[in-house]
Amino acid sequence: MTGRAAAAFASSIALGLAGCALGQMGRPVSATAGEILAGAARPPAAIMQGRVVFPQRAVQATYDEIGMAATVAFINPDLNQTIATTRTDPRGMFLLSFGFIPQSGKAYVLEAVKGLQDNAVGSDAVRVRTFVRWFGGWQSIGTGGASTIVINTSTTAVATIASLRGTDSVNPSNLFGSIRFGVSNGDFPDTFTPGSTAISTPEFNLVYEYVAAALQEDKDPIDSVYFQTGTYKLKDGIGGALLGPSISYLTPLRAAEGDTVSIYGSNLVPAIGSTAVTFFPGVAAPVTVATRTALKVLVPSGAKTGDVTVTVGGKSAVAFISIIPSIGGGLKLQ
């Protein structure tokens, strides 16, 4: 599944964050009576430490446009109610405290929302999710997070599947420990183990690609990915990176070894993984700048007149370039 390394990197148009019932963001919502009673005989408070990992954003979303902090919401899925919220620091770290201990063993939704333009009203936002539960300490569906709760593309893929298929089909309680953070399966940065999750590895891989592709384009996977007649799909207009690269033009059309060549087009980088560029006859070229619509590469030693090939996720696009040969002493023939 070599091509999957190019698929990737979870989020949405805010629109009041429909579907996640965040309520009044930034202000905790009171716990239910049942949750308070469930924690009445326990210590007075619980503290969750975690980290939110937002993958590389689309090129049009500059760092100045992205809010420095994300809002993290702790949600009771049974009531579709936000119980508590907090904010991450610029590194994505957060602490979430409660005045009670949540019901032991119950699966809650933990969601992070990060907006563009300093989270201005009406601006696009990205969302990532996971499931967490309390067993004398916090647990999540992922392990290997250095004693913190991690929310990333992998957890969002699993949470998206659970949301789309419903809890009757995918029991959140069976998802805990299914993701191993930082241990690559050869295609993605984390490893998913199906176990008793009722989610197959191919299913996870496909939804991961969709979630990551939506993220890269500043779209919400919770809204962008849907499940229809047993098949996962992306809404129209999303996921161009999954279609493979295309080249509009390159400049200059004549270059010599060591020169910088700019390649313009679309879908030139994957959500995860990297872009490969080769010059005829198959000589790899260093990529110095890479965005979805433009690449800058150095003409490698041994390149000859012919096709420049850009490969993303196992799919390729080509454009013709003339190579200026060099003569002794590094002189270039014009």
Protein backbone atom coordinates (compact mmCIF):
# COMPACT_ATOMS: atom_id res chain seq x y z
CA MET A 1 0.00 0.00 0.00
CA THR A 2 2.85 2.33 -0.92
CA GLY A 3 0.52 5.00 -2.30
CA ARG A 4 -1.09 5.53 1.07
CA ALA A 5 1.97 7.38 2.33
CA ALA A 6 0.79 10.28 0.19
CA ALA A 7 -2.77 10.31 1.36
CA ALA A 8 -3.43 12.22 4.45
CA PHE A 9 -3.25 14.48 7.45
CA ALA A 10 -9.32 16.32 11.15
CA SER A 11 -11.62 19.51 10.98
CA SER A 12 -14.58 21.72 9.86
CA ILE A 13 -16.34 24.89 8.97
CA ALA A 14 -17.29 25.98 12.45
CA LEU A 15 -20.99 26.75 11.82
CA GLY A 16 -21.63 26.75 15.51
CA LEU A 17 -19.83 23.38 15.58
CA ALA A 18 -23.01 21.60 14.63
CA GLY A 19 -23.14 17.98 15.62
CA CYS A 20 -20.74 18.23 18.53
CA ALA A 21 -23.02 20.27 20.79
CA LEU A 22 -20.21 22.26 22.28
CA GLY A 23 -22.75 24.67 23.69
CA GLN A 24 -21.15 27.87 24.94
CA MET A 25 -17.49 27.39 24.13
CA GLY A 26 -15.08 28.54 26.80
CA ARG A 27 -17.60 28.18 29.66
CA PRO A 28 -17.97 24.82 31.44
CA VAL A 29 -21.39 23.19 31.36
CA SER A 30 -22.57 21.70 34.63
CA ALA A 31 -22.13 17.97 35.07
CA THR A 32 -25.21 15.79 35.15
CA ALA A 33 -26.56 14.60 38.48
CA GLY A 34 -25.59 11.04 37.64
CA GLU A 35 -21.99 12.04 36.96
CA ILE A 36 -21.76 13.98 40.20
CA LEU A 37 -23.21 11.09 42.18
CA ALA A 38 -20.90 8.66 40.42
CA GLY A 39 -17.95 10.70 41.65
CA ALA A 40 -19.33 11.70 45.03
CA ALA A 41 -17.30 9.19 47.02
CA ARG A 42 -14.14 9.89 45.04
CA PRO A 43 -11.47 12.58 45.35
CA PRO A 44 -12.72 16.14 44.77
CA ALA A 45 -11.30 16.65 41.28
CA ALA A 46 -9.68 15.01 38.28
CA ILE A 47 -7.09 16.58 36.01
CA MET A 48 -6.44 15.50 32.43
CA GLN A 49 -3.19 16.36 30.69
CA GLY A 50 -2.99 16.06 26.94
CA ARG A 51 -1.67 17.19 23.60
CA VAL A 52 -3.42 18.11 20.38
CA VAL A 53 -1.61 17.41 17.11
CA PHE A 54 -2.87 19.34 14.11
CA PRO A 55 -1.22 18.20 10.88
CA GLN A 56 0.21 20.56 8.28
CA ARG A 57 -2.45 22.95 7.08
CA ALA A 58 -3.29 23.96 3.53
CA VAL A 59 -0.89 26.46 2.00
CA GLN A 60 -3.47 29.27 2.08
CA ALA A 61 -3.70 29.01 5.88
CA THR A 62 -0.64 30.93 7.06
CA TYR A 63 0.69 30.65 10.60
CA ASP A 64 -0.50 34.21 11.25
CA GLU A 65 -4.03 33.19 10.31
CA ILE A 66 -4.15 30.15 12.57
CA GLY A 67 -5.28 30.78 16.14
CA MET A 68 -2.42 30.27 18.58
CA ALA A 69 -4.59 28.08 20.81
CA ALA A 70 -7.23 25.43 20.33
CA THR A 71 -10.33 24.93 22.42
CA VAL A 72 -10.62 21.47 23.98
CA ALA A 73 -14.09 20.26 24.94
CA PHE A 74 -15.01 17.29 27.15
CA ILE A 75 -18.36 15.98 25.89
CA ASN A 76 -20.92 13.53 27.28
CA PRO A 77 -22.05 11.77 24.08
CA ASP A 78 -25.21 10.37 25.69
CA LEU A 79 -26.55 13.87 26.36
CA ASN A 80 -24.62 15.56 23.55
CA GLN A 81 -23.49 18.01 26.22
CA THR A 82 -20.19 19.76 26.83
CA ILE A 83 -19.15 19.28 30.45
CA ALA A 84 -15.91 21.27 30.53
CA THR A 85 -13.59 23.19 28.22
CA THR A 86 -10.04 24.50 28.26
CA ARG A 87 -7.45 25.94 25.88
CA THR A 88 -4.18 24.59 24.58
CA ASP A 89 -0.95 26.51 24.67
CA PRO A 90 0.88 27.25 21.38
CA ARG A 91 2.56 23.84 21.61
CA GLY A 92 -0.80 22.07 21.70
CA MET A 93 -0.57 21.06 25.37
CA PHE A 94 -3.56 21.36 27.67
CA LEU A 95 -4.77 20.70 31.21
CA LEU A 96 -8.46 20.00 31.81
CA SER A 97 -9.71 20.00 35.40
CA PHE A 98 -13.05 18.92 36.82
CA GLY A 99 -14.82 19.58 40.09
CA PHE A 100 -15.89 15.94 40.11
CA ILE A 101 -14.67 12.55 38.93
CA PRO A 102 -16.41 11.40 35.72
CA GLN A 103 -18.25 8.11 35.78
CA SER A 104 -15.75 5.27 35.86
CA GLY A 105 -15.42 3.35 32.59
CA LYS A 106 -17.75 5.60 30.62
CA ALA A 107 -16.50 6.66 27.18
CA TYR A 108 -16.52 10.44 26.70
CA VAL A 109 -15.66 12.43 23.58
CA LEU A 110 -12.69 14.78 23.74
CA GLU A 111 -12.64 17.27 20.89
CA ALA A 112 -10.24 20.06 19.96
CA VAL A 113 -11.26 22.95 17.72
CA LYS A 114 -8.73 25.29 16.15
CA GLY A 115 -9.78 28.20 13.99
CA LEU A 116 -8.16 30.42 11.39
CA GLN A 117 -7.80 34.19 11.78
CA ASP A 118 -7.48 33.94 15.57
CA ASN A 119 -10.75 32.03 15.78
CA ALA A 120 -12.74 34.97 14.44
CA VAL A 121 -16.47 34.39 14.13
CA GLY A 122 -17.32 32.95 10.74
CA SER A 123 -13.77 31.75 10.02
CA ASP A 124 -13.00 28.19 9.06
CA ALA A 125 -12.01 25.81 11.85
CA VAL A 126 -10.54 22.36 12.16
CA ARG A 127 -11.65 19.69 14.61
CA VAL A 128 -9.93 16.57 15.89
CA ARG A 129 -11.37 13.99 18.28
CA THR A 130 -10.72 11.01 20.49
CA PHE A 131 -12.49 8.98 23.16
CA VAL A 132 -11.38 9.04 26.81
CA ARG A 133 -12.49 7.31 30.00
CA TRP A 134 -11.68 7.37 33.70
CA PHE A 135 -10.36 4.29 35.54
CA GLY A 136 -8.59 5.88 38.50
CA GLY A 137 -6.69 7.80 35.82
CA TRP A 138 -7.36 8.86 32.27
CA GLN A 139 -7.22 6.42 29.35
CA SER A 140 -7.71 7.02 25.64
CA ILE A 141 -8.01 4.98 22.47
CA GLY A 142 -4.32 5.57 21.84
CA THR A 143 -1.26 4.45 23.78
CA GLY A 144 2.34 5.63 23.76
CA GLY A 145 1.47 9.27 24.33
CA ALA A 146 4.00 9.78 27.16
CA SER A 147 1.33 9.71 29.90
CA THR A 148 -0.77 12.33 28.13
CA ILE A 149 -3.97 12.10 26.14
CA VAL A 150 -3.17 12.61 22.45
CA ILE A 151 -5.69 13.83 19.87
CA ASN A 152 -4.48 13.47 16.28
CA THR A 153 -5.42 12.27 12.80
CA SER A 154 -5.44 8.60 13.84
CA THR A 155 -7.77 9.11 16.79
CA THR A 156 -10.00 11.29 14.65
CA ALA A 157 -10.25 8.58 12.00
CA VAL A 158 -11.40 6.06 14.61
CA ALA A 159 -13.80 8.55 16.21
CA THR A 160 -15.21 9.42 12.78
CA ILE A 161 -15.88 5.77 11.99
CA ALA A 162 -17.61 5.29 15.33
CA SER A 163 -19.74 8.37 14.74
CA LEU A 164 -20.74 7.41 11.21
CA ARG A 165 -21.53 3.77 11.96
CA GLY A 166 -23.13 4.40 15.34
CA THR A 167 -22.48 2.92 18.76
CA ASP A 168 -24.66 -0.11 18.01
CA SER A 169 -22.10 -1.08 15.38
CA VAL A 170 -18.90 0.29 16.94
CA ASN A 171 -18.83 0.28 20.75
CA PRO A 172 -16.51 3.08 21.95
CA SER A 173 -15.55 0.96 24.98
CA ASN A 174 -13.86 -1.50 22.61
CA LEU A 175 -11.71 1.18 20.99
CA PHE A 176 -9.39 1.88 23.91
CA GLY A 177 -5.77 0.94 23.24
CA SER A 178 -6.41 0.31 19.54
CA ILE A 179 -3.90 2.94 18.37
CA ARG A 180 -0.19 2.87 19.07
CA PHE A 181 1.21 6.36 18.69
CA GLY A 182 4.55 6.84 16.98
CA VAL A 183 4.80 3.23 15.79
CA SER A 184 4.44 3.31 12.02
CA ASN A 185 2.61 0.52 10.24
CA GLY A 186 4.68 1.29 7.14
CA ASP A 187 2.04 3.57 5.65
CA PHE A 188 0.96 5.89 8.47
CA PRO A 189 2.79 7.28 11.50
CA ASP A 190 0.65 5.30 13.98
CA THR A 191 -0.44 1.67 14.07
CA PHE A 192 -4.08 0.62 14.38
CA THR A 193 -4.88 -2.83 15.83
CA PRO A 194 -8.45 -3.96 15.10
CA GLY A 195 -8.87 -6.40 18.01
CA SER A 196 -12.51 -6.25 19.13
CA THR A 197 -13.12 -2.77 17.71
CA ALA A 198 -15.37 -4.00 14.85
CA ILE A 199 -13.23 -1.76 12.59
CA SER A 200 -11.07 -3.42 9.96
CA THR A 201 -7.58 -2.24 9.10
CA PRO A 202 -8.54 -1.36 5.48
CA GLU A 203 -11.49 0.62 6.86
CA PHE A 204 -9.24 2.56 9.22
CA ASN A 205 -6.67 3.16 6.47
CA LEU A 206 -9.28 4.56 4.08
CA VAL A 207 -10.90 6.86 6.62
CA TYR A 208 -7.47 7.99 7.83
CA GLU A 209 -6.67 9.08 4.29
CA TYR A 210 -9.99 10.92 4.00
CA VAL A 211 -9.59 12.61 7.38
CA ALA A 212 -6.05 13.66 6.54
CA ALA A 213 -7.00 14.92 3.08
CA ALA A 214 -9.83 17.01 4.55
CA LEU A 215 -7.48 18.42 7.17
CA GLN A 216 -4.91 19.41 4.61
CA GLU A 217 -7.56 21.38 2.76
CA ASP A 218 -8.87 23.08 5.93
CA LYS A 219 -12.11 21.11 5.86
CA ASP A 220 -13.79 19.30 8.73
CA PRO A 221 -13.58 15.53 8.36
CA ILE A 222 -16.47 15.13 10.76
CA ASP A 223 -18.52 17.00 8.19
CA SER A 224 -16.56 16.04 5.06
CA VAL A 225 -16.52 12.25 5.45
CA TYR A 226 -19.82 10.40 5.17
CA PHE A 227 -21.00 6.80 5.07
CA GLN A 228 -23.44 5.75 2.35
CA THR A 229 -24.60 2.27 1.33
CA GLY A 230 -21.69 0.70 3.18
CA THR A 231 -19.05 2.97 1.62
CA TYR A 232 -17.09 5.89 3.03
CA LYS A 233 -16.99 8.94 0.80
CA LEU A 234 -15.67 12.50 0.78
CA LYS A 235 -17.92 15.40 -0.07
CA ASP A 236 -17.48 16.81 -3.56
CA GLY A 237 -14.58 19.19 -3.94
CA ILE A 238 -12.53 17.67 -1.10
CA GLY A 239 -9.61 15.29 -1.37
CA GLY A 240 -7.88 16.55 -4.48
CA ALA A 241 -4.56 15.21 -3.15
CA LEU A 242 -5.99 11.71 -3.41
CA LEU A 243 -6.43 12.18 -7.16
CA GLY A 244 -2.71 12.60 -7.77
CA PRO A 245 -0.59 15.56 -8.90
CA SER A 246 -0.92 17.65 -12.02
CA ILE A 247 1.63 20.08 -13.50
CA SER A 248 0.50 23.33 -15.10
CA TYR A 249 3.94 24.59 -16.06
CA LEU A 250 7.52 24.86 -14.87
CA THR A 251 10.12 27.60 -15.06
CA PRO A 252 12.72 28.01 -16.39
CA LEU A 253 12.27 25.67 -19.34
CA ARG A 254 16.05 25.41 -19.72
CA ALA A 255 18.26 24.83 -16.67
CA ALA A 256 21.64 23.45 -15.68
CA GLU A 257 22.87 21.32 -12.80
CA GLY A 258 22.37 23.12 -9.48
CA ASP A 259 19.77 25.54 -10.84
CA THR A 260 16.44 25.96 -9.11
CA VAL A 261 13.38 24.93 -11.11
CA SER A 262 9.87 25.96 -10.01
CA ILE A 263 7.04 23.56 -10.76
CA TYR A 264 3.45 24.81 -10.59
CA GLY A 265 0.28 22.76 -10.54
CA SER A 266 -2.09 21.13 -8.06
CA ASN A 267 -1.97 18.34 -5.48
CA LEU A 268 1.82 18.51 -5.49
CA VAL A 269 2.21 17.37 -1.89
CA PRO A 270 0.47 14.63 0.09
CA ALA A 271 -1.15 15.13 3.46
CA ILE A 272 1.44 12.76 4.89
CA GLY A 273 4.65 11.45 3.42
CA SER A 274 6.63 13.39 0.86
CA THR A 275 6.81 14.30 -2.80
CA ALA A 276 9.39 12.69 -5.08
CA VAL A 277 10.79 14.54 -8.10
CA THR A 278 13.04 12.94 -10.71
CA PHE A 279 14.74 14.25 -13.84
CA PHE A 280 15.35 12.13 -16.91
CA PRO A 281 16.76 9.45 -16.82
CA GLY A 282 15.34 8.84 -13.33
CA VAL A 283 17.72 11.01 -11.27
CA ALA A 284 16.23 12.12 -7.94
CA ALA A 285 16.06 15.88 -7.36
CA PRO A 286 16.21 17.62 -3.97
CA VAL A 287 12.94 19.39 -3.14
CA THR A 288 13.65 22.65 -1.31
CA VAL A 289 10.12 24.07 -1.11
CA ALA A 290 6.85 22.12 -1.29
CA THR A 291 3.27 23.36 -1.18
CA ARG A 292 0.08 22.01 -2.70
CA THR A 293 0.47 24.26 -5.73
CA ALA A 294 4.21 24.82 -6.13
CA LEU A 295 7.52 23.02 -5.79
CA LYS A 296 11.08 24.26 -5.96
CA VAL A 297 13.70 21.66 -6.88
CA LEU A 298 17.40 21.64 -7.67
CA VAL A 299 18.52 20.17 -10.95
CA PRO A 300 20.54 17.08 -9.94
CA SER A 301 23.85 15.90 -11.30
CA GLY A 302 23.30 13.54 -14.20
CA ALA A 303 20.01 15.10 -15.30
CA LYS A 304 19.42 15.18 -19.05
CA THR A 305 16.91 16.78 -21.37
CA GLY A 306 13.58 15.01 -20.99
CA ASP A 307 10.72 14.63 -18.54
CA VAL A 308 10.60 15.93 -14.99
CA THR A 309 8.39 13.54 -13.01
CA VAL A 310 6.52 14.50 -9.84
CA THR A 311 5.24 11.51 -7.84
CA VAL A 312 2.71 11.84 -5.02
CA GLY A 313 1.12 8.81 -3.44
CA GLY A 314 2.09 6.49 -6.25
CA LYS A 315 0.58 8.80 -8.90
CA SER A 316 2.74 10.86 -11.24
CA ALA A 317 2.69 13.88 -13.51
CA VAL A 318 5.37 14.89 -16.03
CA ALA A 319 6.61 18.02 -17.80
CA PHE A 320 9.42 18.52 -20.31
CA ILE A 321 12.61 20.45 -19.56
CA SER A 322 15.82 21.11 -21.49
CA ILE A 323 19.04 20.60 -19.53
CA ILE A 324 21.98 22.83 -20.36
CA PRO A 325 25.07 20.63 -20.48
CA SER A 326 28.18 21.74 -18.63
CA ILE A 327 31.73 21.65 -19.86
CA GLY A 328 35.00 21.40 -17.96
CA GLY A 329 35.43 23.68 -14.97
CA GLY A 330 31.70 23.85 -14.31
CA LEU A 331 31.05 26.16 -17.27
CA LYS A 332 27.57 25.93 -18.73
CA LEU A 333 26.80 25.96 -22.42
CA GLN A 334 24.11 28.55 -23.20
